[in-house]
Amino acid sequence: MGLCESTLPQLGRTLRPQEKDILRYPLIIFVVGGPGCGKGTQCRNMALKYGFYHVELGQLLREEAQRSTQRGRQIRDIMQKGLLVPTGLILDMISDNLLSYPKIRGFLIDGFPRELEQAKEFERIVGRAPNIVIVFDCSMETMVRRVLRRGQVEHRADDSEPAIRKRLETHYTLCEPVLTFYQQKNLLRHILAEEAPESIFAKCCSVIESLL
């Protein structure tokens, strides 16, 4: 990635003590799964039902990529190649979003962490782990089919089939250490995402209500 690596931050900004205090009390729920597993739809449903704030990492990155700035162009190039945006930038975007809602009862952070470094950096920067990590389990065939359909509807440049397969390969390679990290903390909650949306949502609700 060359230029991108040298100009985009690799480490996030550590929060000040008063900022960490703000994020000590709300529920923080990470939601992970490959592109097209349906986590975005379910996060929006959960946010609406429980009054949580939905931090959609993919959307944040796409919005930044559309800006006609050097950083925006670099992010756009990275995403179109199916590569990962540097951890420091992602952590700064997430922490800024969380701190913008100091009164919220909970956060659903959709599409994070994507690699082990991000998981560890979050705890260093924010000073705490998530309450739980929801994992959407879905076959590669289902995810490719869903993302291709989504790309046709939404005209998203990063939803071409080569980019999708590259993103899925990257996801599977990087995801296993993340899952092991949280399994050791007993934070993983697996949800089979091949079923009807209503069935998946009911399972999500059971997980959320175990925390309330």
Protein backbone atom coordinates (compact mmCIF):
# COMPACT_ATOMS: atom_id res chain seq x y z
CA MET A 1 0.00 0.00 0.00
CA GLY A 2 3.07 2.23 0.09
CA LEU A 3 1.84 5.80 0.24
CA CYS A 4 -1.25 4.84 2.17
CA GLU A 5 0.77 3.22 4.92
CA SER A 6 3.02 6.26 5.31
CA THR A 7 0.29 8.91 5.48
CA LEU A 8 -2.65 7.22 7.21
CA PRO A 9 -2.31 6.66 11.00
CA GLN A 10 -1.27 3.19 12.15
CA LEU A 11 -2.07 3.79 15.84
CA GLY A 12 -5.21 5.37 17.24
CA ARG A 13 -5.34 8.28 19.66
CA THR A 14 -5.50 7.11 23.28
CA LEU A 15 -8.56 8.59 24.96
CA ARG A 16 -8.20 11.01 27.87
CA PRO A 17 -9.37 9.77 31.31
CA GLN A 18 -12.62 11.77 31.13
CA GLU A 19 -13.34 10.31 27.69
CA LYS A 20 -12.76 6.77 28.97
CA ASP A 21 -15.19 7.50 31.80
CA ILE A 22 -17.91 8.36 29.26
CA LEU A 23 -17.47 4.96 27.61
CA ARG A 24 -17.22 2.94 30.82
CA TYR A 25 -20.96 2.48 31.33
CA PRO A 26 -22.82 1.92 28.01
CA LEU A 27 -23.03 -1.55 26.52
CA ILE A 28 -20.48 -2.00 23.74
CA ILE A 29 -21.29 -4.84 21.37
CA PHE A 30 -19.07 -5.80 18.44
CA VAL A 31 -20.82 -7.48 15.50
CA VAL A 32 -18.59 -9.41 13.10
CA GLY A 33 -19.07 -11.52 10.01
CA GLY A 34 -18.12 -11.52 6.36
CA PRO A 35 -19.56 -9.07 3.82
CA GLY A 36 -23.11 -10.08 2.96
CA CYS A 37 -23.75 -12.07 6.16
CA GLY A 38 -26.65 -9.75 7.05
CA LYS A 39 -25.15 -8.09 10.12
CA GLY A 40 -25.95 -4.56 8.92
CA THR A 41 -29.67 -5.25 8.63
CA GLN A 42 -29.80 -6.94 12.03
CA CYS A 43 -27.80 -4.14 13.69
CA ARG A 44 -30.27 -1.58 12.39
CA ASN A 45 -33.14 -3.67 13.77
CA MET A 46 -31.46 -4.09 17.17
CA ALA A 47 -30.59 -0.39 17.37
CA LEU A 48 -34.22 0.53 16.72
CA LYS A 49 -35.64 -1.93 19.25
CA TYR A 50 -33.22 -1.26 22.11
CA GLY A 51 -32.33 2.39 21.59
CA PHE A 52 -28.70 1.63 20.78
CA TYR A 53 -26.48 3.61 18.41
CA HIS A 54 -25.39 1.68 15.32
CA VAL A 55 -21.79 2.42 14.32
CA GLU A 56 -21.52 1.04 10.80
CA LEU A 57 -17.81 0.93 10.07
CA GLY A 58 -18.27 0.12 6.38
CA GLN A 59 -20.55 3.11 5.89
CA LEU A 60 -18.14 5.42 7.73
CA LEU A 61 -15.34 4.28 5.43
CA ARG A 62 -17.45 4.63 2.28
CA GLU A 63 -18.45 8.16 3.26
CA GLU A 64 -14.80 9.06 3.85
CA ALA A 65 -13.81 7.43 0.54
CA GLN A 66 -16.25 9.70 -1.33
CA ARG A 67 -14.55 12.85 -0.06
CA SER A 68 -12.24 14.54 -2.55
CA THR A 69 -9.34 14.67 -0.09
CA GLN A 70 -6.02 12.85 -0.19
CA ARG A 71 -7.15 10.59 2.66
CA GLY A 72 -10.45 9.96 0.91
CA ARG A 73 -8.73 8.95 -2.32
CA GLN A 74 -6.32 6.66 -0.47
CA ILE A 75 -9.15 4.93 1.39
CA ARG A 76 -11.09 4.53 -1.86
CA ASP A 77 -8.09 2.90 -3.55
CA ILE A 78 -7.57 0.52 -0.61
CA MET A 79 -11.25 -0.52 -0.52
CA GLN A 80 -11.47 -1.09 -4.28
CA LYS A 81 -8.50 -3.46 -4.00
CA GLY A 82 -10.24 -5.36 -1.18
CA LEU A 83 -7.52 -4.46 1.32
CA LEU A 84 -7.82 -3.22 4.92
CA VAL A 85 -7.72 0.44 5.93
CA PRO A 86 -5.00 1.11 8.58
CA THR A 87 -6.01 0.36 12.16
CA GLY A 88 -5.20 3.82 13.54
CA LEU A 89 -7.65 5.56 11.22
CA ILE A 90 -10.40 3.05 11.98
CA LEU A 91 -9.94 3.39 15.75
CA ASP A 92 -10.02 7.18 15.55
CA MET A 93 -13.24 7.09 13.51
CA ILE A 94 -14.91 4.66 15.93
CA SER A 95 -13.88 6.46 19.14
CA ASP A 96 -15.00 9.83 17.72
CA ASN A 97 -18.38 8.29 16.91
CA LEU A 98 -18.81 6.76 20.37
CA LEU A 99 -17.90 9.99 22.14
CA SER A 100 -20.49 11.88 20.06
CA TYR A 101 -23.27 10.03 21.92
CA PRO A 102 -22.39 10.30 25.65
CA LYS A 103 -25.96 9.56 26.86
CA ILE A 104 -26.66 6.45 24.77
CA ARG A 105 -27.35 3.15 26.58
CA GLY A 106 -25.45 0.98 24.13
CA PHE A 107 -23.45 0.77 20.92
CA LEU A 108 -23.53 -1.81 18.15
CA ILE A 109 -20.20 -1.59 16.32
CA ASP A 110 -20.84 -3.29 13.00
CA GLY A 111 -17.88 -4.79 11.11
CA PHE A 112 -15.30 -4.41 13.87
CA PRO A 113 -12.74 -5.66 14.70
CA ARG A 114 -11.51 -6.97 11.37
CA GLU A 115 -8.14 -8.15 12.68
CA LEU A 116 -6.51 -8.96 16.02
CA GLU A 117 -4.53 -5.72 16.13
CA GLN A 118 -7.79 -3.74 16.04
CA ALA A 119 -9.23 -5.74 18.94
CA LYS A 120 -6.17 -5.10 21.09
CA GLU A 121 -5.91 -1.44 20.06
CA PHE A 122 -9.54 -0.82 21.01
CA GLU A 123 -8.90 -2.03 24.55
CA ARG A 124 -5.73 0.05 24.80
CA ILE A 125 -7.40 3.22 23.51
CA VAL A 126 -10.79 2.94 25.22
CA GLY A 127 -9.61 1.19 28.37
CA ARG A 128 -12.13 -1.66 28.30
CA ALA A 129 -13.27 -4.70 26.33
CA PRO A 130 -16.69 -5.02 24.66
CA ASN A 131 -19.51 -6.63 26.63
CA ILE A 132 -19.98 -9.29 23.94
CA VAL A 133 -19.00 -10.08 20.36
CA ILE A 134 -21.81 -11.33 18.10
CA VAL A 135 -20.54 -13.51 15.24
CA PHE A 136 -22.72 -14.02 12.16
CA ASP A 137 -21.87 -17.42 10.66
CA CYS A 138 -22.62 -17.67 6.93
CA SER A 139 -21.26 -19.67 3.99
CA MET A 140 -19.02 -18.01 1.41
CA GLU A 141 -21.47 -18.92 -1.39
CA THR A 142 -24.34 -17.17 0.38
CA MET A 143 -22.26 -14.06 1.10
CA VAL A 144 -21.00 -13.73 -2.49
CA ARG A 145 -24.55 -14.05 -3.83
CA ARG A 146 -25.92 -11.48 -1.37
CA VAL A 147 -23.16 -8.95 -1.95
CA LEU A 148 -23.44 -9.19 -5.75
CA ARG A 149 -27.17 -8.53 -5.44
CA ARG A 150 -26.53 -5.60 -3.08
CA GLY A 151 -23.95 -4.14 -5.47
CA GLN A 152 -26.45 -4.15 -8.33
CA VAL A 153 -29.04 -2.35 -6.19
CA GLU A 154 -26.77 0.18 -4.46
CA HIS A 155 -24.14 0.60 -7.22
CA ARG A 156 -21.29 0.20 -4.75
CA ALA A 157 -17.83 0.18 -6.37
CA ASP A 158 -16.43 -2.19 -3.72
CA ASP A 159 -19.10 -4.83 -4.50
CA SER A 160 -17.61 -6.16 -7.75
CA GLU A 161 -17.09 -9.93 -7.67
CA PRO A 162 -13.24 -9.86 -7.65
CA ALA A 163 -13.27 -7.35 -4.79
CA ILE A 164 -15.86 -9.43 -2.90
CA ARG A 165 -13.79 -12.61 -3.14
CA LYS A 166 -10.66 -10.73 -2.11
CA ARG A 167 -12.50 -9.24 0.89
CA LEU A 168 -13.80 -12.67 1.91
CA GLU A 169 -10.33 -14.23 1.67
CA THR A 170 -8.91 -11.38 3.75
CA HIS A 171 -11.78 -11.69 6.23
CA TYR A 172 -11.30 -15.42 6.79
CA THR A 173 -7.52 -15.07 7.13
CA LEU A 174 -7.72 -12.31 9.72
CA CYS A 175 -10.89 -13.33 11.54
CA GLU A 176 -9.71 -16.55 13.20
CA PRO A 177 -7.23 -14.89 15.61
CA VAL A 178 -9.92 -12.35 16.54
CA LEU A 179 -12.41 -15.09 17.37
CA THR A 180 -9.78 -16.97 19.40
CA PHE A 181 -8.95 -13.77 21.31
CA TYR A 182 -12.58 -13.23 22.32
CA GLN A 183 -13.30 -16.91 22.88
CA GLN A 184 -10.59 -16.89 25.55
CA LYS A 185 -12.46 -14.00 27.19
CA ASN A 186 -15.77 -15.93 26.88
CA LEU A 187 -17.32 -13.06 24.90
CA LEU A 188 -18.35 -14.81 21.65
CA ARG A 189 -22.00 -15.36 20.74
CA HIS A 190 -22.47 -17.22 17.43
CA ILE A 191 -25.60 -16.74 15.32
CA LEU A 192 -26.35 -18.81 12.21
CA ALA A 193 -27.06 -16.23 9.52
CA GLU A 194 -28.39 -18.57 6.83
CA GLU A 195 -31.94 -18.55 8.21
CA ALA A 196 -34.86 -16.17 7.62
CA PRO A 197 -34.21 -12.59 8.83
CA GLU A 198 -36.96 -12.86 11.46
CA SER A 199 -35.37 -15.97 12.96
CA ILE A 200 -31.94 -14.34 13.01
CA PHE A 201 -33.36 -11.24 14.69
CA ALA A 202 -35.03 -13.33 17.40
CA LYS A 203 -31.64 -14.89 18.21
CA CYS A 204 -30.01 -11.46 18.28
CA CYS A 205 -32.65 -10.25 20.72
CA SER A 206 -32.00 -13.21 23.03
CA VAL A 207 -28.31 -12.30 23.11
CA ILE A 208 -29.02 -8.61 23.83
CA GLU A 209 -31.56 -9.36 26.53
CA SER A 210 -29.07 -11.57 28.35
CA LEU A 211 -27.10 -8.37 28.99
CA LEU A 212 -29.98 -6.13 30.13
